[in-house]
Amino acid sequence: MDQELAAPDDRAAPEAAVLALSALIDAAEALQAAHLPGLRLLAQGLDLGAIDLPEPARPTRAPAQLGVLASLYLVQELEPLVRASERIAALWSSGAVSVALPKLEPLLKKLWKERRQRLSGDERRALLAQAFDPQDFEPALARLCDALVVLADNAGQHDVREEVGLQHAAQGLLEIAASRLEGMLLQAADELLGQLRSALQLLGDRTLQTAFGVRDLHGLVRAALVHEREVLGDLRQRFDRARAGSQVLMWLAQAAQHGFAIAPADPALQTLIAAAERWRLSAQGARPAVMNLAVLEAA
């Protein structure tokens, strides 16, 4: 880690992957901030026992559940970033990182000082596993993405059968969210998303990447977790899945207010279909399904 630092021009601009993930975290934070307070209030009300509170209407409750599900999904898929940032903070504290990092020093100090006040890695992963059990969540998201992709060849026209299938798949994800998003998971949602943002801020720094002898975010995560390769898999594919899946879930949170209805002629639908197909490919490692490829190219 004593390698010569790259010239300033080489590290001046953040890489595209960092910018894309930062934008997704921004969107997730906005969605969570809009819905989480009401969902927490509902959860507290349901614990009051003797007070008979009216059941909120589904259009109020559904977006809140799905909105938090969307943000936590991003944390779940990008959890290796948080793990890598914790490892780097430990290395820095021990003196193993000998390159001066004046811009990052406040963040590194904060991460190390507050390590025992935050959720531990085991606690974080246990909470996320509560919402994203691969036995039911991934199949449910796969059904939703399948239902979106089949809309690609409708030429901007309604197809009642396919749209009912989409609504049915969306309702399945809503039921999962309703049964999982409660208690400690809701209380920790802000902290979990904050940990992810801090991790991206740290790992996206060009000077730190150069100190570890790598050229990008993916390389730094792999370097930090060199002894934990089993948790990484295909890292780029995992990042693609995180971006595509969160886009689908964020749309779902907004569409829940209108019964998961779609506007076939809306160009945004084509972008959504492309995200659904990208999630399918990254999650399954399959070749592209037979569909209108112009849709993917235009998105």
Protein backbone atom coordinates (compact mmCIF):
# COMPACT_ATOMS: atom_id res chain seq x y z
CA MET A 1 0.00 0.00 0.00
CA ASP A 2 3.03 2.27 -0.30
CA GLN A 3 2.60 2.60 -4.05
CA GLU A 4 3.04 5.95 -5.74
CA LEU A 5 -0.21 7.83 -6.01
CA ALA A 6 -1.77 8.41 -9.40
CA ALA A 7 -1.62 11.84 -10.96
CA PRO A 8 -4.46 14.16 -9.92
CA ASP A 9 -6.02 13.96 -13.38
CA ASP A 10 -6.49 10.20 -12.96
CA ARG A 11 -8.58 10.53 -9.84
CA ALA A 12 -10.35 13.85 -10.35
CA ALA A 13 -13.71 12.53 -11.49
CA PRO A 14 -15.73 9.82 -9.74
CA GLU A 15 -16.18 6.68 -11.81
CA ALA A 16 -19.51 5.97 -13.50
CA ALA A 17 -20.37 3.09 -11.16
CA VAL A 18 -19.95 5.31 -8.09
CA LEU A 19 -22.12 8.06 -9.59
CA ALA A 20 -24.84 5.57 -10.57
CA LEU A 21 -24.92 3.96 -7.13
CA SER A 22 -24.89 7.36 -5.41
CA ALA A 23 -27.92 8.43 -7.46
CA LEU A 24 -29.73 5.23 -6.49
CA ILE A 25 -28.99 5.80 -2.81
CA ASP A 26 -30.32 9.36 -3.17
CA ALA A 27 -33.55 8.01 -4.65
CA ALA A 28 -33.80 5.31 -1.97
CA GLU A 29 -33.30 7.86 0.80
CA ALA A 30 -36.01 10.11 -0.63
CA LEU A 31 -38.45 7.21 -0.93
CA GLN A 32 -37.68 5.96 2.57
CA ALA A 33 -37.96 9.44 4.10
CA ALA A 34 -41.38 9.85 2.50
CA HIS A 35 -42.82 6.57 3.77
CA LEU A 36 -40.88 5.27 6.78
CA PRO A 37 -42.24 7.66 9.46
CA GLY A 38 -45.83 6.71 8.69
CA LEU A 39 -45.03 3.02 8.61
CA ARG A 40 -43.28 3.24 11.97
CA LEU A 41 -46.26 5.09 13.42
CA LEU A 42 -48.56 2.37 12.15
CA ALA A 43 -46.35 -0.32 13.72
CA GLN A 44 -46.36 1.51 17.06
CA GLY A 45 -50.12 1.93 16.90
CA LEU A 46 -50.62 -1.79 16.34
CA ASP A 47 -48.67 -2.43 19.56
CA LEU A 48 -50.87 -0.17 21.72
CA GLY A 49 -53.28 -2.97 22.43
CA ALA A 50 -56.19 -1.31 24.21
CA ILE A 51 -56.53 1.54 21.71
CA ASP A 52 -58.70 0.58 18.77
CA LEU A 53 -57.08 2.23 15.76
CA PRO A 54 -58.80 2.19 12.37
CA GLU A 55 -57.13 0.08 9.70
CA PRO A 56 -55.40 2.40 7.19
CA ALA A 57 -56.48 2.17 3.59
CA ARG A 58 -54.25 0.03 1.36
CA PRO A 59 -53.22 2.95 -0.90
CA THR A 60 -51.61 4.53 2.19
CA ARG A 61 -50.00 1.41 3.55
CA ALA A 62 -48.80 -0.33 0.39
CA PRO A 63 -46.45 2.39 -0.89
CA ALA A 64 -44.88 2.67 2.56
CA GLN A 65 -44.13 -1.03 2.76
CA LEU A 66 -42.83 -1.25 -0.78
CA GLY A 67 -40.88 1.99 -0.47
CA VAL A 68 -38.91 0.68 2.49
CA LEU A 69 -38.54 -2.69 0.77
CA ALA A 70 -36.94 -0.92 -2.21
CA SER A 71 -34.35 0.91 -0.10
CA LEU A 72 -33.49 -2.12 2.01
CA TYR A 73 -33.09 -4.22 -1.14
CA LEU A 74 -30.35 -1.87 -2.24
CA VAL A 75 -28.63 -2.31 1.14
CA GLN A 76 -29.03 -6.09 0.92
CA GLU A 77 -27.44 -6.41 -2.50
CA LEU A 78 -24.65 -3.93 -1.80
CA GLU A 79 -23.82 -5.26 1.67
CA PRO A 80 -20.26 -6.21 0.57
CA LEU A 81 -19.54 -2.48 0.23
CA VAL A 82 -20.38 -1.94 3.90
CA ARG A 83 -18.32 -4.96 4.91
CA ALA A 84 -15.37 -3.72 2.84
CA SER A 85 -15.58 -0.23 4.35
CA GLU A 86 -15.49 -1.69 7.86
CA ARG A 87 -12.43 -3.74 6.95
CA ILE A 88 -10.62 -0.72 5.52
CA ALA A 89 -11.42 1.38 8.60
CA ALA A 90 -9.88 -1.37 10.75
CA LEU A 91 -6.77 -1.51 8.55
CA TRP A 92 -6.42 2.26 8.66
CA SER A 93 -6.77 2.31 12.44
CA SER A 94 -4.06 -0.35 12.78
CA GLY A 95 -1.66 1.66 10.63
CA ALA A 96 -1.67 -0.84 7.77
CA VAL A 97 -2.69 1.92 5.33
CA SER A 98 0.41 4.07 5.19
CA VAL A 99 -0.73 6.52 2.50
CA ALA A 100 -1.95 9.88 3.79
CA LEU A 101 -5.72 10.25 3.31
CA PRO A 102 -6.53 13.75 4.64
CA LYS A 103 -9.87 14.00 2.83
CA LEU A 104 -11.04 10.66 4.16
CA GLU A 105 -9.59 10.89 7.66
CA PRO A 106 -12.76 12.34 9.30
CA LEU A 107 -14.89 9.58 7.79
CA LEU A 108 -12.42 6.85 8.72
CA LYS A 109 -12.21 8.16 12.29
CA LYS A 110 -15.99 8.25 12.52
CA LEU A 111 -16.39 4.71 11.17
CA TRP A 112 -13.81 3.34 13.60
CA LYS A 113 -14.96 5.32 16.64
CA GLU A 114 -18.64 4.41 16.19
CA ARG A 115 -18.10 0.77 15.22
CA ARG A 116 -19.50 -0.55 18.50
CA GLN A 117 -22.52 1.77 18.41
CA ARG A 118 -23.66 0.65 14.96
CA LEU A 119 -25.24 -2.61 13.97
CA SER A 120 -22.55 -5.26 13.61
CA GLY A 121 -22.12 -7.17 10.38
CA ASP A 122 -23.89 -10.21 11.81
CA GLU A 123 -26.78 -8.08 13.08
CA ARG A 124 -27.06 -6.25 9.76
CA ARG A 125 -27.15 -9.45 7.73
CA ALA A 126 -29.63 -11.09 10.11
CA LEU A 127 -32.05 -8.16 9.78
CA LEU A 128 -31.76 -8.08 6.01
CA ALA A 129 -32.30 -11.82 5.82
CA GLN A 130 -35.59 -11.22 7.62
CA ALA A 131 -36.90 -9.29 4.61
CA PHE A 132 -35.07 -11.07 1.80
CA ASP A 133 -35.40 -14.78 2.37
CA PRO A 134 -34.18 -16.25 -0.96
CA GLN A 135 -36.79 -18.98 -0.69
CA ASP A 136 -39.64 -16.58 -1.36
CA PHE A 137 -38.42 -13.05 -2.07
CA GLU A 138 -36.29 -13.78 -5.12
CA PRO A 139 -38.95 -15.97 -6.78
CA ALA A 140 -41.52 -13.22 -6.13
CA LEU A 141 -39.28 -10.54 -7.66
CA ALA A 142 -38.52 -12.86 -10.58
CA ARG A 143 -42.27 -13.27 -11.23
CA LEU A 144 -42.68 -9.51 -11.19
CA CYS A 145 -39.80 -8.99 -13.63
CA ASP A 146 -41.18 -11.72 -15.88
CA ALA A 147 -44.57 -10.00 -15.84
CA LEU A 148 -42.96 -6.70 -16.84
CA VAL A 149 -40.81 -8.14 -19.61
CA VAL A 150 -43.76 -9.74 -21.42
CA LEU A 151 -45.22 -6.24 -21.87
CA ALA A 152 -42.33 -5.31 -24.18
CA ASP A 153 -44.00 -6.40 -27.41
CA ASN A 154 -47.41 -4.77 -26.83
CA ALA A 155 -46.62 -1.77 -29.05
CA GLY A 156 -47.99 0.72 -26.54
CA GLN A 157 -51.37 -1.04 -26.27
CA HIS A 158 -53.13 -2.51 -23.26
CA ASP A 159 -53.15 -6.28 -22.80
CA VAL A 160 -55.62 -7.08 -20.03
CA ARG A 161 -54.36 -10.60 -19.40
CA GLU A 162 -50.74 -9.53 -19.05
CA GLU A 163 -51.60 -6.49 -16.93
CA VAL A 164 -53.64 -8.61 -14.53
CA GLY A 165 -50.64 -10.92 -14.30
CA LEU A 166 -48.47 -7.92 -13.44
CA GLN A 167 -50.89 -6.81 -10.72
CA HIS A 168 -50.94 -10.33 -9.28
CA ALA A 169 -47.12 -10.50 -9.18
CA ALA A 170 -46.97 -7.04 -7.58
CA GLN A 171 -49.47 -8.06 -4.93
CA GLY A 172 -47.28 -11.04 -4.09
CA LEU A 173 -44.36 -8.74 -3.30
CA LEU A 174 -46.64 -6.51 -1.26
CA GLU A 175 -47.66 -9.46 0.89
CA ILE A 176 -44.02 -10.31 1.54
CA ALA A 177 -43.30 -6.71 2.53
CA ALA A 178 -46.32 -6.63 4.83
CA SER A 179 -45.18 -9.76 6.66
CA ARG A 180 -41.51 -8.81 7.02
CA LEU A 181 -41.21 -5.06 7.55
CA GLU A 182 -41.74 -4.65 11.24
CA GLY A 183 -40.01 -4.18 14.57
CA MET A 184 -36.25 -3.82 14.61
CA LEU A 185 -35.98 -3.87 10.82
CA LEU A 186 -38.05 -0.68 10.57
CA GLN A 187 -36.12 0.96 13.38
CA ALA A 188 -32.80 0.15 11.71
CA ALA A 189 -33.76 1.16 8.15
CA ASP A 190 -32.23 4.64 8.32
CA GLU A 191 -29.02 3.34 9.87
CA LEU A 192 -28.68 0.60 7.27
CA LEU A 193 -29.03 3.03 4.38
CA GLY A 194 -26.66 5.47 6.10
CA GLN A 195 -24.02 2.74 6.44
CA LEU A 196 -24.28 2.08 2.71
CA ARG A 197 -23.87 5.76 1.84
CA SER A 198 -20.78 6.08 4.07
CA ALA A 199 -19.31 2.94 2.52
CA LEU A 200 -19.76 4.25 -1.01
CA GLN A 201 -18.27 7.62 -0.04
CA LEU A 202 -15.19 5.85 1.30
CA LEU A 203 -14.73 3.17 -1.37
CA GLY A 204 -15.39 5.53 -4.26
CA ASP A 205 -12.40 7.70 -3.39
CA ARG A 206 -9.70 7.52 -6.07
CA THR A 207 -6.82 8.11 -3.65
CA LEU A 208 -7.89 5.20 -1.47
CA GLN A 209 -8.27 2.96 -4.53
CA THR A 210 -4.75 3.86 -5.62
CA ALA A 211 -3.40 3.18 -2.12
CA PHE A 212 -4.67 -0.40 -2.46
CA GLY A 213 -3.25 -0.74 -5.97
CA VAL A 214 -6.63 -0.93 -7.73
CA ARG A 215 -8.36 1.22 -10.31
CA ASP A 216 -12.03 1.20 -9.38
CA LEU A 217 -14.74 0.50 -6.81
CA HIS A 218 -15.02 -3.19 -7.70
CA GLY A 219 -11.28 -3.69 -7.31
CA LEU A 220 -11.20 -2.01 -3.91
CA VAL A 221 -14.04 -4.15 -2.55
CA ARG A 222 -12.25 -7.28 -3.74
CA ALA A 223 -8.96 -6.12 -2.23
CA ALA A 224 -10.56 -5.36 1.13
CA LEU A 225 -12.37 -8.70 1.22
CA VAL A 226 -9.57 -10.77 -0.27
CA HIS A 227 -10.10 -13.48 2.35
CA GLU A 228 -13.88 -13.50 1.94
CA ARG A 229 -14.24 -14.16 -1.78
CA GLU A 230 -17.19 -16.47 -1.13
CA VAL A 231 -19.36 -13.48 -0.25
CA LEU A 232 -18.59 -11.66 -3.47
CA GLY A 233 -19.33 -13.95 -6.39
CA ASP A 234 -19.47 -11.95 -9.61
CA LEU A 235 -19.31 -8.48 -8.09
CA ARG A 236 -20.16 -6.54 -11.23
CA GLN A 237 -23.15 -8.77 -11.82
CA ARG A 238 -24.24 -8.21 -8.24
CA PHE A 239 -24.03 -4.44 -8.69
CA ASP A 240 -26.09 -4.70 -11.88
CA ARG A 241 -28.70 -6.73 -10.02
CA ALA A 242 -28.80 -4.17 -7.21
CA ARG A 243 -29.37 -1.28 -9.60
CA ALA A 244 -31.98 -3.05 -11.74
CA GLY A 245 -33.87 -4.59 -8.82
CA SER A 246 -34.05 -1.35 -6.87
CA GLN A 247 -35.37 0.47 -9.94
CA VAL A 248 -38.16 -2.10 -10.27
CA LEU A 249 -39.04 -1.92 -6.56
CA MET A 250 -39.01 1.88 -6.51
CA TRP A 251 -41.44 1.91 -9.43
CA LEU A 252 -43.58 -0.62 -7.58
CA ALA A 253 -43.79 1.60 -4.49
CA GLN A 254 -45.08 4.46 -6.61
CA ALA A 255 -47.42 2.29 -8.72
CA ALA A 256 -49.01 0.80 -5.58
CA GLN A 257 -50.96 4.05 -5.15
CA HIS A 258 -52.79 3.30 -8.40
CA GLY A 259 -53.37 -0.42 -8.04
CA PHE A 260 -50.16 -1.25 -9.96
CA ALA A 261 -51.69 0.06 -13.18
CA ILE A 262 -49.44 0.91 -16.13
CA ALA A 263 -49.57 3.35 -19.04
CA PRO A 264 -48.51 1.27 -22.08
CA ALA A 265 -47.48 4.29 -24.17
CA ASP A 266 -45.36 5.91 -21.43
CA PRO A 267 -41.67 5.86 -22.44
CA ALA A 268 -40.77 5.34 -18.79
CA LEU A 269 -42.38 1.91 -19.01
CA GLN A 270 -39.79 0.86 -21.58
CA THR A 271 -36.98 1.87 -19.22
CA LEU A 272 -38.67 -0.12 -16.47
CA ILE A 273 -38.98 -3.19 -18.72
CA ALA A 274 -35.28 -2.91 -19.52
CA ALA A 275 -34.45 -2.80 -15.79
CA ALA A 276 -36.60 -5.89 -15.22
CA GLU A 277 -34.79 -7.76 -17.98
CA ARG A 278 -31.40 -6.71 -16.64
CA TRP A 279 -32.39 -8.02 -13.22
CA ARG A 280 -33.41 -11.34 -14.75
CA LEU A 281 -30.11 -11.68 -16.59
CA SER A 282 -27.94 -10.69 -13.64
CA ALA A 283 -29.89 -12.83 -11.19
CA GLN A 284 -30.10 -15.92 -13.34
CA GLY A 285 -26.91 -15.61 -15.39
CA ALA A 286 -28.98 -16.43 -18.46
CA ARG A 287 -28.75 -15.27 -22.03
CA PRO A 288 -31.19 -12.54 -23.06
CA ALA A 289 -34.73 -13.75 -23.48
CA VAL A 290 -36.41 -13.33 -26.86
CA MET A 291 -37.87 -9.85 -26.71
CA ASN A 292 -37.83 -6.49 -28.43
CA LEU A 293 -34.11 -5.64 -28.18
CA ALA A 294 -34.78 -2.11 -29.34
CA VAL A 295 -36.43 -1.56 -25.99
CA LEU A 296 -33.21 -2.36 -24.15
CA GLU A 297 -31.09 -0.26 -26.46
CA ALA A 298 -33.37 2.76 -26.09
CA ALA A 299 -33.49 2.60 -22.28
